[in-house]
Amino acid sequence: MRIIFYTREDCHLCDVAERLLSATAPDMTPEWVDVDDDDDLEARYGARVPVLRREPGGAELAWPFDAVSLAAFLGRGEY
């Protein structure tokens, strides 16, 4: 499974989500994508970051989320 982490620079909520992801899935290394580097991504995700996208399949988990919903999204069961 590949996780894409849509973020932007100087995003406090992105920092919180990163810490939550690290605590919930310390062995996972997401692919970081700065939405401000791409007009289409900025239009799609700009107001919603942080957003995690699971590939394959394209399921997304947008902020706000907690450890329980993140673990479920990642298929990690209970946290």
N, C-alpha and C. Protein backbone atom coordinates (compact mmCIF):
# COMPACT_ATOMS: atom_id res chain seq x y z
N MET A 1 0.85 -1.18 0.00
CA MET A 1 0.00 0.00 0.00
C MET A 1 0.89 1.24 0.00
N ARG A 2 0.51 2.21 -0.76
CA ARG A 2 1.22 3.49 -0.85
C ARG A 2 0.31 4.57 -0.29
N ILE A 3 0.86 5.43 0.56
CA ILE A 3 0.11 6.54 1.14
C ILE A 3 0.70 7.85 0.62
N ILE A 4 -0.16 8.67 0.05
CA ILE A 4 0.24 10.01 -0.39
C ILE A 4 -0.29 10.99 0.65
N PHE A 5 0.58 11.87 1.11
CA PHE A 5 0.25 12.85 2.14
C PHE A 5 0.23 14.22 1.47
N TYR A 6 -0.97 14.73 1.19
CA TYR A 6 -1.11 16.05 0.60
C TYR A 6 -1.01 17.09 1.70
N THR A 7 -0.11 18.02 1.52
CA THR A 7 0.24 18.97 2.56
C THR A 7 0.59 20.31 1.93
N ARG A 8 1.01 21.22 2.76
CA ARG A 8 1.58 22.48 2.28
C ARG A 8 2.56 22.98 3.34
N GLU A 9 3.41 23.87 2.92
CA GLU A 9 4.42 24.44 3.82
C GLU A 9 3.76 25.27 4.92
N ASP A 10 4.34 25.23 6.10
CA ASP A 10 3.86 26.02 7.24
C ASP A 10 2.40 25.71 7.58
N CYS A 11 2.04 24.45 7.56
CA CYS A 11 0.68 24.01 7.87
C CYS A 11 0.68 23.33 9.23
N HIS A 12 0.16 24.03 10.23
CA HIS A 12 0.14 23.48 11.59
C HIS A 12 -0.64 22.17 11.65
N LEU A 13 -1.79 22.10 10.99
CA LEU A 13 -2.60 20.88 11.01
C LEU A 13 -1.86 19.73 10.33
N CYS A 14 -1.08 20.04 9.32
CA CYS A 14 -0.27 19.01 8.65
C CYS A 14 0.77 18.45 9.61
N ASP A 15 1.36 19.31 10.44
CA ASP A 15 2.32 18.86 11.44
C ASP A 15 1.65 17.93 12.45
N VAL A 16 0.45 18.28 12.86
CA VAL A 16 -0.29 17.44 13.81
C VAL A 16 -0.61 16.09 13.16
N ALA A 17 -1.07 16.12 11.93
CA ALA A 17 -1.39 14.88 11.21
C ALA A 17 -0.15 14.03 11.00
N GLU A 18 0.99 14.65 10.73
CA GLU A 18 2.24 13.90 10.57
C GLU A 18 2.60 13.18 11.86
N ARG A 19 2.50 13.85 12.99
CA ARG A 19 2.80 13.21 14.28
C ARG A 19 1.84 12.05 14.54
N LEU A 20 0.58 12.25 14.23
CA LEU A 20 -0.42 11.20 14.41
C LEU A 20 -0.11 10.00 13.52
N LEU A 21 0.25 10.25 12.27
CA LEU A 21 0.61 9.17 11.35
C LEU A 21 1.85 8.44 11.85
N SER A 22 2.84 9.17 12.32
CA SER A 22 4.07 8.54 12.84
C SER A 22 3.79 7.67 14.05
N ALA A 23 2.88 8.11 14.91
CA ALA A 23 2.53 7.34 16.10
C ALA A 23 1.69 6.11 15.76
N THR A 24 0.81 6.25 14.77
CA THR A 24 -0.10 5.18 14.41
C THR A 24 0.56 4.13 13.51
N ALA A 25 1.43 4.58 12.63
CA ALA A 25 2.09 3.69 11.68
C ALA A 25 3.56 4.08 11.54
N PRO A 26 4.37 3.82 12.58
CA PRO A 26 5.76 4.27 12.55
C PRO A 26 6.60 3.65 11.44
N ASP A 27 6.16 2.52 10.89
CA ASP A 27 6.90 1.86 9.82
C ASP A 27 6.52 2.35 8.43
N MET A 28 5.55 3.25 8.35
CA MET A 28 5.06 3.73 7.07
C MET A 28 5.75 5.04 6.69
N THR A 29 6.17 5.12 5.44
CA THR A 29 6.77 6.34 4.91
C THR A 29 5.88 6.87 3.79
N PRO A 30 5.11 7.91 4.08
CA PRO A 30 4.22 8.43 3.05
C PRO A 30 4.99 9.20 1.98
N GLU A 31 4.37 9.33 0.83
CA GLU A 31 4.89 10.18 -0.24
C GLU A 31 4.32 11.58 -0.01
N TRP A 32 5.18 12.54 0.24
CA TRP A 32 4.76 13.91 0.53
C TRP A 32 4.54 14.68 -0.76
N VAL A 33 3.39 15.34 -0.85
CA VAL A 33 3.09 16.16 -2.02
C VAL A 33 2.60 17.51 -1.52
N ASP A 34 3.33 18.56 -1.89
CA ASP A 34 2.95 19.93 -1.53
C ASP A 34 1.94 20.42 -2.56
N VAL A 35 0.72 20.65 -2.14
CA VAL A 35 -0.34 21.03 -3.08
C VAL A 35 -0.08 22.39 -3.72
N ASP A 36 0.71 23.22 -3.07
CA ASP A 36 0.99 24.55 -3.61
C ASP A 36 1.93 24.52 -4.81
N ASP A 37 2.52 23.35 -5.09
CA ASP A 37 3.42 23.20 -6.23
C ASP A 37 2.68 22.87 -7.52
N ASP A 38 1.37 22.68 -7.44
CA ASP A 38 0.60 22.26 -8.61
C ASP A 38 -0.78 22.92 -8.54
N ASP A 39 -1.13 23.68 -9.56
CA ASP A 39 -2.40 24.42 -9.56
C ASP A 39 -3.61 23.50 -9.40
N ASP A 40 -3.59 22.37 -10.10
CA ASP A 40 -4.72 21.44 -10.00
C ASP A 40 -4.85 20.85 -8.60
N LEU A 41 -3.73 20.47 -8.00
CA LEU A 41 -3.77 19.93 -6.64
C LEU A 41 -4.17 21.00 -5.64
N GLU A 42 -3.70 22.22 -5.84
CA GLU A 42 -4.06 23.30 -4.93
C GLU A 42 -5.57 23.55 -4.99
N ALA A 43 -6.13 23.51 -6.19
CA ALA A 43 -7.57 23.72 -6.34
C ALA A 43 -8.36 22.58 -5.70
N ARG A 44 -7.83 21.37 -5.82
CA ARG A 44 -8.55 20.19 -5.30
C ARG A 44 -8.40 20.03 -3.79
N TYR A 45 -7.19 20.27 -3.26
CA TYR A 45 -6.92 19.97 -1.87
C TYR A 45 -6.61 21.19 -1.00
N GLY A 46 -6.45 22.33 -1.59
CA GLY A 46 -5.96 23.50 -0.87
C GLY A 46 -6.65 23.79 0.45
N ALA A 47 -7.97 23.77 0.46
CA ALA A 47 -8.71 24.09 1.69
C ALA A 47 -8.88 22.88 2.58
N ARG A 48 -8.47 21.69 2.11
CA ARG A 48 -8.72 20.45 2.86
C ARG A 48 -7.49 19.85 3.49
N VAL A 49 -6.30 20.33 3.18
CA VAL A 49 -5.09 19.70 3.72
C VAL A 49 -5.09 19.76 5.24
N PRO A 50 -4.53 18.76 5.86
CA PRO A 50 -3.89 17.58 5.30
C PRO A 50 -4.89 16.53 4.84
N VAL A 51 -4.50 15.84 3.76
CA VAL A 51 -5.30 14.74 3.22
C VAL A 51 -4.36 13.57 2.95
N LEU A 52 -4.79 12.38 3.36
CA LEU A 52 -4.06 11.16 3.05
C LEU A 52 -4.82 10.43 1.96
N ARG A 53 -4.09 9.90 1.00
CA ARG A 53 -4.70 9.13 -0.10
C ARG A 53 -4.04 7.76 -0.14
N ARG A 54 -4.85 6.73 -0.18
CA ARG A 54 -4.35 5.36 -0.20
C ARG A 54 -4.39 4.84 -1.62
N GLU A 55 -3.26 4.32 -2.07
CA GLU A 55 -3.16 3.70 -3.39
C GLU A 55 -2.70 2.27 -3.23
N PRO A 56 -3.23 1.36 -3.98
CA PRO A 56 -4.23 1.57 -5.02
C PRO A 56 -5.61 1.82 -4.42
N GLY A 57 -6.48 2.32 -5.23
CA GLY A 57 -7.86 2.50 -4.85
C GLY A 57 -8.32 3.93 -4.74
N GLY A 58 -7.43 4.82 -4.31
CA GLY A 58 -7.76 6.24 -4.26
C GLY A 58 -8.60 6.69 -3.08
N ALA A 59 -8.78 5.85 -2.06
CA ALA A 59 -9.54 6.28 -0.88
C ALA A 59 -8.79 7.42 -0.20
N GLU A 60 -9.54 8.39 0.31
CA GLU A 60 -8.93 9.55 0.95
C GLU A 60 -9.46 9.74 2.36
N LEU A 61 -8.59 10.24 3.20
CA LEU A 61 -8.94 10.61 4.57
C LEU A 61 -8.50 12.05 4.76
N ALA A 62 -9.48 12.95 4.92
CA ALA A 62 -9.18 14.37 5.06
C ALA A 62 -9.28 14.78 6.53
N TRP A 63 -8.55 15.79 6.89
CA TRP A 63 -8.58 16.35 8.23
C TRP A 63 -9.95 16.91 8.51
N PRO A 64 -10.50 16.77 9.68
CA PRO A 64 -9.89 16.23 10.89
C PRO A 64 -10.06 14.71 10.99
N PHE A 65 -9.02 14.04 11.49
CA PHE A 65 -9.11 12.61 11.79
C PHE A 65 -8.34 12.36 13.07
N ASP A 66 -8.67 11.24 13.71
CA ASP A 66 -8.01 10.86 14.96
C ASP A 66 -7.30 9.53 14.76
N ALA A 67 -6.67 9.03 15.81
CA ALA A 67 -5.89 7.79 15.71
C ALA A 67 -6.76 6.61 15.31
N VAL A 68 -7.98 6.55 15.82
CA VAL A 68 -8.86 5.42 15.51
C VAL A 68 -9.25 5.43 14.04
N SER A 69 -9.69 6.57 13.52
CA SER A 69 -10.08 6.63 12.11
C SER A 69 -8.87 6.46 11.19
N LEU A 70 -7.72 6.95 11.61
CA LEU A 70 -6.50 6.77 10.82
C LEU A 70 -6.10 5.30 10.77
N ALA A 71 -6.13 4.62 11.91
CA ALA A 71 -5.79 3.19 11.94
C ALA A 71 -6.74 2.39 11.06
N ALA A 72 -8.03 2.72 11.11
CA ALA A 72 -9.00 2.03 10.26
C ALA A 72 -8.70 2.28 8.79
N PHE A 73 -8.39 3.53 8.44
CA PHE A 73 -8.06 3.90 7.06
C PHE A 73 -6.85 3.12 6.56
N LEU A 74 -5.88 2.93 7.44
CA LEU A 74 -4.65 2.23 7.08
C LEU A 74 -4.79 0.72 7.16
N GLY A 75 -5.95 0.24 7.65
CA GLY A 75 -6.15 -1.19 7.80
C GLY A 75 -5.36 -1.77 8.94
N ARG A 76 -5.14 -0.96 9.97
CA ARG A 76 -4.33 -1.37 11.12
C ARG A 76 -5.17 -1.85 12.29
N GLY A 77 -6.49 -1.94 12.10
CA GLY A 77 -7.34 -2.39 13.21
C GLY A 77 -7.43 -1.35 14.30
N GLU A 78 -7.60 -1.80 15.50
CA GLU A 78 -7.75 -0.86 16.62
C GLU A 78 -6.43 -0.25 16.99
N TYR A 79 -6.50 0.97 17.42
CA TYR A 79 -5.30 1.70 17.85
C TYR A 79 -5.31 1.81 19.34
